Amino acid sequence: TKVFKFEMAHALYGYDGPCKNIHGHSY
């Protein structure tokens, strides 16, 4: 197994919660 770290922002179009807004995660 190899683990990779990266930063990414997204938004969930049409979602009914706060994740409809642009936000980021440390993946």
mmCIF file of all heavy atoms, coordinates in Angstrom:
data_MODEL
# 
_entry.id   MODEL 
# 
loop_
_atom_site.group_PDB 
_atom_site.id 
_atom_site.type_symbol 
_atom_site.label_atom_id 
_atom_site.label_alt_id 
_atom_site.label_comp_id 
_atom_site.label_asym_id 
_atom_site.label_entity_id 
_atom_site.label_seq_id 
_atom_site.pdbx_PDB_ins_code 
_atom_site.Cartn_x 
_atom_site.Cartn_y 
_atom_site.Cartn_z 
_atom_site.occupancy 
_atom_site.B_iso_or_equiv 
_atom_site.pdbx_formal_charge 
_atom_site.auth_seq_id 
_atom_site.auth_comp_id 
_atom_site.auth_asym_id 
_atom_site.auth_atom_id 
_atom_site.pdbx_PDB_model_num 
ATOM 1   N N   . THR A 1 1  ? 0.841   -1.199 0.000   1.00 0.00 ? 1  THR A N   1 
ATOM 2   C CA  . THR A 1 1  ? 0.000   0.000  0.000   1.00 0.00 ? 1  THR A CA  1 
ATOM 3   C C   . THR A 1 1  ? 0.874   1.247  0.000   1.00 0.00 ? 1  THR A C   1 
ATOM 4   O O   . THR A 1 1  ? 1.880   1.310  0.719   1.00 0.00 ? 1  THR A O   1 
ATOM 5   C CB  . THR A 1 1  ? -0.916  0.022  1.241   1.00 0.00 ? 1  THR A CB  1 
ATOM 6   O OG1 . THR A 1 1  ? -1.730  -1.150 1.239   1.00 0.00 ? 1  THR A OG1 1 
ATOM 7   C CG2 . THR A 1 1  ? -1.804  1.267  1.251   1.00 0.00 ? 1  THR A CG2 1 
ATOM 8   N N   . LYS A 1 2  ? 0.471   2.214  -0.787  1.00 0.00 ? 2  LYS A N   1 
ATOM 9   C CA  . LYS A 1 2  ? 1.116   3.534  -0.805  1.00 0.00 ? 2  LYS A CA  1 
ATOM 10  C C   . LYS A 1 2  ? 0.033   4.564  -0.509  1.00 0.00 ? 2  LYS A C   1 
ATOM 11  O O   . LYS A 1 2  ? -1.084  4.459  -1.017  1.00 0.00 ? 2  LYS A O   1 
ATOM 12  C CB  . LYS A 1 2  ? 1.739   3.795  -2.180  1.00 0.00 ? 2  LYS A CB  1 
ATOM 13  C CG  . LYS A 1 2  ? 2.466   5.094  -2.310  1.00 0.00 ? 2  LYS A CG  1 
ATOM 14  C CD  . LYS A 1 2  ? 3.897   4.972  -1.853  1.00 0.00 ? 2  LYS A CD  1 
ATOM 15  C CE  . LYS A 1 2  ? 4.598   6.317  -2.017  1.00 0.00 ? 2  LYS A CE  1 
ATOM 16  N NZ  . LYS A 1 2  ? 5.368   6.672  -0.854  1.00 0.00 ? 2  LYS A NZ  1 
ATOM 17  N N   . VAL A 1 3  ? 0.355   5.547  0.328   1.00 0.00 ? 3  VAL A N   1 
ATOM 18  C CA  . VAL A 1 3  ? -0.592  6.582  0.728   1.00 0.00 ? 3  VAL A CA  1 
ATOM 19  C C   . VAL A 1 3  ? -0.157  7.910  0.103   1.00 0.00 ? 3  VAL A C   1 
ATOM 20  O O   . VAL A 1 3  ? 1.025   8.256  0.136   1.00 0.00 ? 3  VAL A O   1 
ATOM 21  C CB  . VAL A 1 3  ? -0.666  6.699  2.268   1.00 0.00 ? 3  VAL A CB  1 
ATOM 22  C CG1 . VAL A 1 3  ? -1.639  7.799  2.678   1.00 0.00 ? 3  VAL A CG1 1 
ATOM 23  C CG2 . VAL A 1 3  ? -1.062  5.366  2.883   1.00 0.00 ? 3  VAL A CG2 1 
ATOM 24  N N   . PHE A 1 4  ? -1.140  8.631  -0.434  1.00 0.00 ? 4  PHE A N   1 
ATOM 25  C CA  . PHE A 1 4  ? -0.899  9.909  -1.094  1.00 0.00 ? 4  PHE A CA  1 
ATOM 26  C C   . PHE A 1 4  ? -1.745  10.982 -0.434  1.00 0.00 ? 4  PHE A C   1 
ATOM 27  O O   . PHE A 1 4  ? -2.924  10.764 -0.170  1.00 0.00 ? 4  PHE A O   1 
ATOM 28  C CB  . PHE A 1 4  ? -1.275  9.816  -2.586  1.00 0.00 ? 4  PHE A CB  1 
ATOM 29  C CG  . PHE A 1 4  ? -0.551  8.726  -3.301  1.00 0.00 ? 4  PHE A CG  1 
ATOM 30  C CD1 . PHE A 1 4  ? -1.046  7.424  -3.292  1.00 0.00 ? 4  PHE A CD1 1 
ATOM 31  C CD2 . PHE A 1 4  ? 0.637   8.981  -3.952  1.00 0.00 ? 4  PHE A CD2 1 
ATOM 32  C CE1 . PHE A 1 4  ? -0.363  6.404  -3.927  1.00 0.00 ? 4  PHE A CE1 1 
ATOM 33  C CE2 . PHE A 1 4  ? 1.328   7.973  -4.594  1.00 0.00 ? 4  PHE A CE2 1 
ATOM 34  C CZ  . PHE A 1 4  ? 0.821   6.674  -4.583  1.00 0.00 ? 4  PHE A CZ  1 
ATOM 35  N N   . LYS A 1 5  ? -1.168  12.131 -0.184  1.00 0.00 ? 5  LYS A N   1 
ATOM 36  C CA  . LYS A 1 5  ? -1.880  13.253 0.435   1.00 0.00 ? 5  LYS A CA  1 
ATOM 37  C C   . LYS A 1 5  ? -2.029  14.368 -0.585  1.00 0.00 ? 5  LYS A C   1 
ATOM 38  O O   . LYS A 1 5  ? -1.093  14.654 -1.343  1.00 0.00 ? 5  LYS A O   1 
ATOM 39  C CB  . LYS A 1 5  ? -1.096  13.786 1.637   1.00 0.00 ? 5  LYS A CB  1 
ATOM 40  C CG  . LYS A 1 5  ? -0.730  12.740 2.670   1.00 0.00 ? 5  LYS A CG  1 
ATOM 41  C CD  . LYS A 1 5  ? -1.857  12.446 3.573   1.00 0.00 ? 5  LYS A CD  1 
ATOM 42  C CE  . LYS A 1 5  ? -1.371  11.517 4.691   1.00 0.00 ? 5  LYS A CE  1 
ATOM 43  N NZ  . LYS A 1 5  ? -2.367  11.233 5.646   1.00 0.00 ? 5  LYS A NZ  1 
ATOM 44  N N   . PHE A 1 6  ? -3.195  14.994 -0.607  1.00 0.00 ? 6  PHE A N   1 
ATOM 45  C CA  . PHE A 1 6  ? -3.391  16.149 -1.483  1.00 0.00 ? 6  PHE A CA  1 
ATOM 46  C C   . PHE A 1 6  ? -4.535  17.001 -0.953  1.00 0.00 ? 6  PHE A C   1 
ATOM 47  O O   . PHE A 1 6  ? -5.354  16.551 -0.163  1.00 0.00 ? 6  PHE A O   1 
ATOM 48  C CB  . PHE A 1 6  ? -3.641  15.729 -2.943  1.00 0.00 ? 6  PHE A CB  1 
ATOM 49  C CG  . PHE A 1 6  ? -4.878  14.897 -3.181  1.00 0.00 ? 6  PHE A CG  1 
ATOM 50  C CD1 . PHE A 1 6  ? -6.022  15.462 -3.716  1.00 0.00 ? 6  PHE A CD1 1 
ATOM 51  C CD2 . PHE A 1 6  ? -4.891  13.537 -2.900  1.00 0.00 ? 6  PHE A CD2 1 
ATOM 52  C CE1 . PHE A 1 6  ? -7.165  14.701 -3.947  1.00 0.00 ? 6  PHE A CE1 1 
ATOM 53  C CE2 . PHE A 1 6  ? -6.015  12.766 -3.134  1.00 0.00 ? 6  PHE A CE2 1 
ATOM 54  C CZ  . PHE A 1 6  ? -7.156  13.346 -3.662  1.00 0.00 ? 6  PHE A CZ  1 
ATOM 55  N N   . GLU A 1 7  ? -4.533  18.247 -1.387  1.00 0.00 ? 7  GLU A N   1 
ATOM 56  C CA  . GLU A 1 7  ? -5.562  19.218 -1.001  1.00 0.00 ? 7  GLU A CA  1 
ATOM 57  C C   . GLU A 1 7  ? -6.469  19.436 -2.201  1.00 0.00 ? 7  GLU A C   1 
ATOM 58  O O   . GLU A 1 7  ? -5.991  19.563 -3.323  1.00 0.00 ? 7  GLU A O   1 
ATOM 59  C CB  . GLU A 1 7  ? -4.927  20.548 -0.600  1.00 0.00 ? 7  GLU A CB  1 
ATOM 60  C CG  . GLU A 1 7  ? -3.833  20.443 0.459   1.00 0.00 ? 7  GLU A CG  1 
ATOM 61  C CD  . GLU A 1 7  ? -4.325  19.903 1.785   1.00 0.00 ? 7  GLU A CD  1 
ATOM 62  O OE1 . GLU A 1 7  ? -5.456  20.258 2.188   1.00 0.00 ? 7  GLU A OE1 1 
ATOM 63  O OE2 . GLU A 1 7  ? -3.586  19.141 2.418   1.00 0.00 ? 7  GLU A OE2 1 
ATOM 64  N N   . MET A 1 8  ? -7.767  19.477 -1.956  1.00 0.00 ? 8  MET A N   1 
ATOM 65  C CA  . MET A 1 8  ? -8.707  19.678 -3.057  1.00 0.00 ? 8  MET A CA  1 
ATOM 66  C C   . MET A 1 8  ? -9.968  20.355 -2.530  1.00 0.00 ? 8  MET A C   1 
ATOM 67  O O   . MET A 1 8  ? -10.407 20.089 -1.419  1.00 0.00 ? 8  MET A O   1 
ATOM 68  C CB  . MET A 1 8  ? -9.077  18.314 -3.668  1.00 0.00 ? 8  MET A CB  1 
ATOM 69  C CG  . MET A 1 8  ? -9.842  18.401 -4.970  1.00 0.00 ? 8  MET A CG  1 
ATOM 70  S SD  . MET A 1 8  ? -10.334 16.750 -5.549  1.00 0.00 ? 8  MET A SD  1 
ATOM 71  C CE  . MET A 1 8  ? -11.921 16.597 -4.708  1.00 0.00 ? 8  MET A CE  1 
ATOM 72  N N   . ALA A 1 9  ? -10.506 21.240 -3.342  1.00 0.00 ? 9  ALA A N   1 
ATOM 73  C CA  . ALA A 1 9  ? -11.779 21.880 -3.016  1.00 0.00 ? 9  ALA A CA  1 
ATOM 74  C C   . ALA A 1 9  ? -12.840 21.348 -3.969  1.00 0.00 ? 9  ALA A C   1 
ATOM 75  O O   . ALA A 1 9  ? -12.539 20.931 -5.088  1.00 0.00 ? 9  ALA A O   1 
ATOM 76  C CB  . ALA A 1 9  ? -11.664 23.396 -3.153  1.00 0.00 ? 9  ALA A CB  1 
ATOM 77  N N   . HIS A 1 10 ? -14.080 21.362 -3.511  1.00 0.00 ? 10 HIS A N   1 
ATOM 78  C CA  . HIS A 1 10 ? -15.184 20.951 -4.368  1.00 0.00 ? 10 HIS A CA  1 
ATOM 79  C C   . HIS A 1 10 ? -16.463 21.599 -3.858  1.00 0.00 ? 10 HIS A C   1 
ATOM 80  O O   . HIS A 1 10 ? -16.497 22.225 -2.818  1.00 0.00 ? 10 HIS A O   1 
ATOM 81  C CB  . HIS A 1 10 ? -15.304 19.428 -4.463  1.00 0.00 ? 10 HIS A CB  1 
ATOM 82  C CG  . HIS A 1 10 ? -15.719 18.747 -3.185  1.00 0.00 ? 10 HIS A CG  1 
ATOM 83  N ND1 . HIS A 1 10 ? -16.274 17.491 -3.149  1.00 0.00 ? 10 HIS A ND1 1 
ATOM 84  C CD2 . HIS A 1 10 ? -15.662 19.129 -1.885  1.00 0.00 ? 10 HIS A CD2 1 
ATOM 85  C CE1 . HIS A 1 10 ? -16.528 17.131 -1.910  1.00 0.00 ? 10 HIS A CE1 1 
ATOM 86  N NE2 . HIS A 1 10 ? -16.162 18.108 -1.123  1.00 0.00 ? 10 HIS A NE2 1 
ATOM 87  N N   . ALA A 1 11 ? -17.496 21.443 -4.649  1.00 0.00 ? 11 ALA A N   1 
ATOM 88  C CA  . ALA A 1 11 ? -18.839 21.847 -4.258  1.00 0.00 ? 11 ALA A CA  1 
ATOM 89  C C   . ALA A 1 11 ? -19.785 20.826 -4.850  1.00 0.00 ? 11 ALA A C   1 
ATOM 90  O O   . ALA A 1 11 ? -19.563 20.324 -5.956  1.00 0.00 ? 11 ALA A O   1 
ATOM 91  C CB  . ALA A 1 11 ? -19.162 23.247 -4.776  1.00 0.00 ? 11 ALA A CB  1 
ATOM 92  N N   . LEU A 1 12 ? -20.825 20.483 -4.116  1.00 0.00 ? 12 LEU A N   1 
ATOM 93  C CA  . LEU A 1 12 ? -21.787 19.481 -4.580  1.00 0.00 ? 12 LEU A CA  1 
ATOM 94  C C   . LEU A 1 12 ? -23.020 20.196 -5.117  1.00 0.00 ? 12 LEU A C   1 
ATOM 95  O O   . LEU A 1 12 ? -23.877 20.651 -4.358  1.00 0.00 ? 12 LEU A O   1 
ATOM 96  C CB  . LEU A 1 12 ? -22.143 18.519 -3.450  1.00 0.00 ? 12 LEU A CB  1 
ATOM 97  C CG  . LEU A 1 12 ? -20.941 17.771 -2.846  1.00 0.00 ? 12 LEU A CG  1 
ATOM 98  C CD1 . LEU A 1 12 ? -21.414 16.819 -1.758  1.00 0.00 ? 12 LEU A CD1 1 
ATOM 99  C CD2 . LEU A 1 12 ? -20.155 17.035 -3.920  1.00 0.00 ? 12 LEU A CD2 1 
ATOM 100 N N   . TYR A 1 13 ? -23.078 20.292 -6.422  1.00 0.00 ? 13 TYR A N   1 
ATOM 101 C CA  . TYR A 1 13 ? -24.153 21.003 -7.114  1.00 0.00 ? 13 TYR A CA  1 
ATOM 102 C C   . TYR A 1 13 ? -25.509 20.361 -6.811  1.00 0.00 ? 13 TYR A C   1 
ATOM 103 O O   . TYR A 1 13 ? -25.687 19.155 -6.947  1.00 0.00 ? 13 TYR A O   1 
ATOM 104 C CB  . TYR A 1 13 ? -23.883 21.003 -8.615  1.00 0.00 ? 13 TYR A CB  1 
ATOM 105 C CG  . TYR A 1 13 ? -24.985 21.632 -9.426  1.00 0.00 ? 13 TYR A CG  1 
ATOM 106 C CD1 . TYR A 1 13 ? -25.375 22.949 -9.201  1.00 0.00 ? 13 TYR A CD1 1 
ATOM 107 C CD2 . TYR A 1 13 ? -25.619 20.923 -10.426 1.00 0.00 ? 13 TYR A CD2 1 
ATOM 108 C CE1 . TYR A 1 13 ? -26.370 23.535 -9.949  1.00 0.00 ? 13 TYR A CE1 1 
ATOM 109 C CE2 . TYR A 1 13 ? -26.624 21.500 -11.186 1.00 0.00 ? 13 TYR A CE2 1 
ATOM 110 C CZ  . TYR A 1 13 ? -26.999 22.800 -10.940 1.00 0.00 ? 13 TYR A CZ  1 
ATOM 111 O OH  . TYR A 1 13 ? -27.999 23.380 -11.677 1.00 0.00 ? 13 TYR A OH  1 
ATOM 112 N N   . GLY A 1 14 ? -26.451 21.182 -6.342  1.00 0.00 ? 14 GLY A N   1 
ATOM 113 C CA  . GLY A 1 14 ? -27.800 20.711 -6.054  1.00 0.00 ? 14 GLY A CA  1 
ATOM 114 C C   . GLY A 1 14 ? -27.957 20.020 -4.713  1.00 0.00 ? 14 GLY A C   1 
ATOM 115 O O   . GLY A 1 14 ? -29.060 19.609 -4.352  1.00 0.00 ? 14 GLY A O   1 
ATOM 116 N N   . TYR A 1 15 ? -26.885 19.903 -3.960  1.00 0.00 ? 15 TYR A N   1 
ATOM 117 C CA  . TYR A 1 15 ? -26.940 19.240 -2.655  1.00 0.00 ? 15 TYR A CA  1 
ATOM 118 C C   . TYR A 1 15 ? -27.769 20.080 -1.691  1.00 0.00 ? 15 TYR A C   1 
ATOM 119 O O   . TYR A 1 15 ? -27.802 21.311 -1.780  1.00 0.00 ? 15 TYR A O   1 
ATOM 120 C CB  . TYR A 1 15 ? -25.516 19.042 -2.135  1.00 0.00 ? 15 TYR A CB  1 
ATOM 121 C CG  . TYR A 1 15 ? -25.431 18.304 -0.825  1.00 0.00 ? 15 TYR A CG  1 
ATOM 122 C CD1 . TYR A 1 15 ? -25.816 16.982 -0.710  1.00 0.00 ? 15 TYR A CD1 1 
ATOM 123 C CD2 . TYR A 1 15 ? -24.935 18.939 0.302   1.00 0.00 ? 15 TYR A CD2 1 
ATOM 124 C CE1 . TYR A 1 15 ? -25.719 16.304 0.498   1.00 0.00 ? 15 TYR A CE1 1 
ATOM 125 C CE2 . TYR A 1 15 ? -24.830 18.277 1.513   1.00 0.00 ? 15 TYR A CE2 1 
ATOM 126 C CZ  . TYR A 1 15 ? -25.229 16.959 1.599   1.00 0.00 ? 15 TYR A CZ  1 
ATOM 127 O OH  . TYR A 1 15 ? -25.140 16.291 2.803   1.00 0.00 ? 15 TYR A OH  1 
ATOM 128 N N   . ASP A 1 16 ? -28.428 19.418 -0.732  1.00 0.00 ? 16 ASP A N   1 
ATOM 129 C CA  . ASP A 1 16 ? -29.323 20.113 0.194   1.00 0.00 ? 16 ASP A CA  1 
ATOM 130 C C   . ASP A 1 16 ? -28.676 20.434 1.547   1.00 0.00 ? 16 ASP A C   1 
ATOM 131 O O   . ASP A 1 16 ? -29.360 20.596 2.548   1.00 0.00 ? 16 ASP A O   1 
ATOM 132 C CB  . ASP A 1 16 ? -30.600 19.295 0.400   1.00 0.00 ? 16 ASP A CB  1 
ATOM 133 C CG  . ASP A 1 16 ? -30.337 17.924 0.998   1.00 0.00 ? 16 ASP A CG  1 
ATOM 134 O OD1 . ASP A 1 16 ? -29.150 17.540 1.158   1.00 0.00 ? 16 ASP A OD1 1 
ATOM 135 O OD2 . ASP A 1 16 ? -31.314 17.216 1.291   1.00 0.00 ? 16 ASP A OD2 1 
ATOM 136 N N   . GLY A 1 17 ? -27.369 20.540 1.573   1.00 0.00 ? 17 GLY A N   1 
ATOM 137 C CA  . GLY A 1 17 ? -26.673 20.857 2.816   1.00 0.00 ? 17 GLY A CA  1 
ATOM 138 C C   . GLY A 1 17 ? -25.520 21.809 2.545   1.00 0.00 ? 17 GLY A C   1 
ATOM 139 O O   . GLY A 1 17 ? -25.354 22.303 1.427   1.00 0.00 ? 17 GLY A O   1 
ATOM 140 N N   . PRO A 1 18 ? -24.702 22.060 3.553   1.00 0.00 ? 18 PRO A N   1 
ATOM 141 C CA  . PRO A 1 18 ? -23.637 23.046 3.409   1.00 0.00 ? 18 PRO A CA  1 
ATOM 142 C C   . PRO A 1 18 ? -22.569 22.668 2.378   1.00 0.00 ? 18 PRO A C   1 
ATOM 143 O O   . PRO A 1 18 ? -21.846 23.539 1.904   1.00 0.00 ? 18 PRO A O   1 
ATOM 144 C CB  . PRO A 1 18 ? -23.037 23.155 4.817   1.00 0.00 ? 18 PRO A CB  1 
ATOM 145 C CG  . PRO A 1 18 ? -23.501 21.957 5.549   1.00 0.00 ? 18 PRO A CG  1 
ATOM 146 C CD  . PRO A 1 18 ? -24.780 21.515 4.913   1.00 0.00 ? 18 PRO A CD  1 
ATOM 147 N N   . CYS A 1 19 ? -22.474 21.422 1.998   1.00 0.00 ? 19 CYS A N   1 
ATOM 148 C CA  . CYS A 1 19 ? -21.463 21.012 1.010   1.00 0.00 ? 19 CYS A CA  1 
ATOM 149 C C   . CYS A 1 19 ? -21.806 21.475 -0.408  1.00 0.00 ? 19 CYS A C   1 
ATOM 150 O O   . CYS A 1 19 ? -21.049 21.229 -1.337  1.00 0.00 ? 19 CYS A O   1 
ATOM 151 C CB  . CYS A 1 19 ? -21.255 19.500 1.036   1.00 0.00 ? 19 CYS A CB  1 
ATOM 152 S SG  . CYS A 1 19 ? -20.446 18.957 2.561   1.00 0.00 ? 19 CYS A SG  1 
ATOM 153 N N   . LYS A 1 20 ? -22.937 22.180 -0.558  1.00 0.00 ? 20 LYS A N   1 
ATOM 154 C CA  . LYS A 1 20 ? -23.237 22.794 -1.857  1.00 0.00 ? 20 LYS A CA  1 
ATOM 155 C C   . LYS A 1 20 ? -22.319 23.985 -2.095  1.00 0.00 ? 20 LYS A C   1 
ATOM 156 O O   . LYS A 1 20 ? -22.149 24.433 -3.220  1.00 0.00 ? 20 LYS A O   1 
ATOM 157 C CB  . LYS A 1 20 ? -24.701 23.212 -1.939  1.00 0.00 ? 20 LYS A CB  1 
ATOM 158 C CG  . LYS A 1 20 ? -25.083 24.331 -0.974  1.00 0.00 ? 20 LYS A CG  1 
ATOM 159 C CD  . LYS A 1 20 ? -26.559 24.630 -1.035  1.00 0.00 ? 20 LYS A CD  1 
ATOM 160 C CE  . LYS A 1 20 ? -26.962 25.571 0.093   1.00 0.00 ? 20 LYS A CE  1 
ATOM 161 N NZ  . LYS A 1 20 ? -28.402 25.619 0.262   1.00 0.00 ? 20 LYS A NZ  1 
ATOM 162 N N   . ASN A 1 21 ? -21.711 24.497 -1.030  1.00 0.00 ? 21 ASN A N   1 
ATOM 163 C CA  . ASN A 1 21 ? -20.785 25.621 -1.124  1.00 0.00 ? 21 ASN A CA  1 
ATOM 164 C C   . ASN A 1 21 ? -19.368 25.107 -1.383  1.00 0.00 ? 21 ASN A C   1 
ATOM 165 O O   . ASN A 1 21 ? -19.003 23.997 -0.978  1.00 0.00 ? 21 ASN A O   1 
ATOM 166 C CB  . ASN A 1 21 ? -20.794 26.425 0.172   1.00 0.00 ? 21 ASN A CB  1 
ATOM 167 C CG  . ASN A 1 21 ? -22.168 26.989 0.465   1.00 0.00 ? 21 ASN A CG  1 
ATOM 168 O OD1 . ASN A 1 21 ? -22.730 27.692 -0.358  1.00 0.00 ? 21 ASN A OD1 1 
ATOM 169 N ND2 . ASN A 1 21 ? -22.711 26.640 1.618   1.00 0.00 ? 21 ASN A ND2 1 
ATOM 170 N N   . ILE A 1 22 ? -18.567 25.927 -2.024  1.00 0.00 ? 22 ILE A N   1 
ATOM 171 C CA  . ILE A 1 22 ? -17.175 25.553 -2.253  1.00 0.00 ? 22 ILE A CA  1 
ATOM 172 C C   . ILE A 1 22 ? -16.475 25.431 -0.905  1.00 0.00 ? 22 ILE A C   1 
ATOM 173 O O   . ILE A 1 22 ? -16.559 26.314 -0.061  1.00 0.00 ? 22 ILE A O   1 
ATOM 174 C CB  . ILE A 1 22 ? -16.468 26.601 -3.131  1.00 0.00 ? 22 ILE A CB  1 
ATOM 175 C CG1 . ILE A 1 22 ? -17.085 26.620 -4.533  1.00 0.00 ? 22 ILE A CG1 1 
ATOM 176 C CG2 . ILE A 1 22 ? -14.964 26.318 -3.200  1.00 0.00 ? 22 ILE A CG2 1 
ATOM 177 C CD1 . ILE A 1 22 ? -16.579 27.745 -5.417  1.00 0.00 ? 22 ILE A CD1 1 
ATOM 178 N N   . HIS A 1 23 ? -15.808 24.300 -0.722  1.00 0.00 ? 23 HIS A N   1 
ATOM 179 C CA  . HIS A 1 23 ? -15.071 24.038 0.508   1.00 0.00 ? 23 HIS A CA  1 
ATOM 180 C C   . HIS A 1 23 ? -13.960 23.044 0.176   1.00 0.00 ? 23 HIS A C   1 
ATOM 181 O O   . HIS A 1 23 ? -13.987 22.401 -0.863  1.00 0.00 ? 23 HIS A O   1 
ATOM 182 C CB  . HIS A 1 23 ? -15.997 23.479 1.603   1.00 0.00 ? 23 HIS A CB  1 
ATOM 183 C CG  . HIS A 1 23 ? -16.608 22.166 1.241   1.00 0.00 ? 23 HIS A CG  1 
ATOM 184 N ND1 . HIS A 1 23 ? -17.632 22.036 0.306   1.00 0.00 ? 23 HIS A ND1 1 
ATOM 185 C CD2 . HIS A 1 23 ? -16.334 20.917 1.671   1.00 0.00 ? 23 HIS A CD2 1 
ATOM 186 C CE1 . HIS A 1 23 ? -17.956 20.762 0.193   1.00 0.00 ? 23 HIS A CE1 1 
ATOM 187 N NE2 . HIS A 1 23 ? -17.183 20.054 1.006   1.00 0.00 ? 23 HIS A NE2 1 
ATOM 188 N N   . GLY A 1 24 ? -12.990 22.925 1.052   1.00 0.00 ? 24 GLY A N   1 
ATOM 189 C CA  . GLY A 1 24 ? -11.861 22.064 0.772   1.00 0.00 ? 24 GLY A CA  1 
ATOM 190 C C   . GLY A 1 24 ? -11.617 21.024 1.836   1.00 0.00 ? 24 GLY A C   1 
ATOM 191 O O   . GLY A 1 24 ? -12.141 21.101 2.946   1.00 0.00 ? 24 GLY A O   1 
ATOM 192 N N   . HIS A 1 25 ? -10.815 20.033 1.440   1.00 0.00 ? 25 HIS A N   1 
ATOM 193 C CA  . HIS A 1 25 ? -10.435 18.941 2.340   1.00 0.00 ? 25 HIS A CA  1 
ATOM 194 C C   . HIS A 1 25 ? -8.960  18.620 2.145   1.00 0.00 ? 25 HIS A C   1 
ATOM 195 O O   . HIS A 1 25 ? -8.402  18.846 1.074   1.00 0.00 ? 25 HIS A O   1 
ATOM 196 C CB  . HIS A 1 25 ? -11.231 17.666 2.032   1.00 0.00 ? 25 HIS A CB  1 
ATOM 197 C CG  . HIS A 1 25 ? -12.700 17.794 2.184   1.00 0.00 ? 25 HIS A CG  1 
ATOM 198 N ND1 . HIS A 1 25 ? -13.332 17.821 3.399   1.00 0.00 ? 25 HIS A ND1 1 
ATOM 199 C CD2 . HIS A 1 25 ? -13.682 17.895 1.252   1.00 0.00 ? 25 HIS A CD2 1 
ATOM 200 C CE1 . HIS A 1 25 ? -14.642 17.921 3.221   1.00 0.00 ? 25 HIS A CE1 1 
ATOM 201 N NE2 . HIS A 1 25 ? -14.877 17.977 1.910   1.00 0.00 ? 25 HIS A NE2 1 
ATOM 202 N N   . SER A 1 26 ? -8.372  18.047 3.166   1.00 0.00 ? 26 SER A N   1 
ATOM 203 C CA  . SER A 1 26 ? -7.052  17.439 3.056   1.00 0.00 ? 26 SER A CA  1 
ATOM 204 C C   . SER A 1 26 ? -7.285  15.953 2.850   1.00 0.00 ? 26 SER A C   1 
ATOM 205 O O   . SER A 1 26 ? -7.629  15.234 3.783   1.00 0.00 ? 26 SER A O   1 
ATOM 206 C CB  . SER A 1 26 ? -6.237  17.677 4.335   1.00 0.00 ? 26 SER A CB  1 
ATOM 207 O OG  . SER A 1 26 ? -5.975  19.046 4.493   1.00 0.00 ? 26 SER A OG  1 
ATOM 208 N N   . TYR A 1 27 ? -7.157  15.517 1.600   1.00 0.00 ? 27 TYR A N   1 
ATOM 209 C CA  . TYR A 1 27 ? -7.463  14.135 1.234   1.00 0.00 ? 27 TYR A CA  1 
ATOM 210 C C   . TYR A 1 27 ? -6.270  13.221 1.459   1.00 0.00 ? 27 TYR A C   1 
ATOM 211 O O   . TYR A 1 27 ? -5.117  13.638 1.396   1.00 0.00 ? 27 TYR A O   1 
ATOM 212 C CB  . TYR A 1 27 ? -7.857  14.054 -0.245  1.00 0.00 ? 27 TYR A CB  1 
ATOM 213 C CG  . TYR A 1 27 ? -9.235  14.572 -0.553  1.00 0.00 ? 27 TYR A CG  1 
ATOM 214 C CD1 . TYR A 1 27 ? -9.439  15.916 -0.849  1.00 0.00 ? 27 TYR A CD1 1 
ATOM 215 C CD2 . TYR A 1 27 ? -10.329 13.727 -0.564  1.00 0.00 ? 27 TYR A CD2 1 
ATOM 216 C CE1 . TYR A 1 27 ? -10.701 16.404 -1.148  1.00 0.00 ? 27 TYR A CE1 1 
ATOM 217 C CE2 . TYR A 1 27 ? -11.599 14.199 -0.862  1.00 0.00 ? 27 TYR A CE2 1 
ATOM 218 C CZ  . TYR A 1 27 ? -11.775 15.535 -1.148  1.00 0.00 ? 27 TYR A CZ  1 
ATOM 219 O OH  . TYR A 1 27 ? -13.028 16.015 -1.440  1.00 0.00 ? 27 TYR A OH  1 
# 
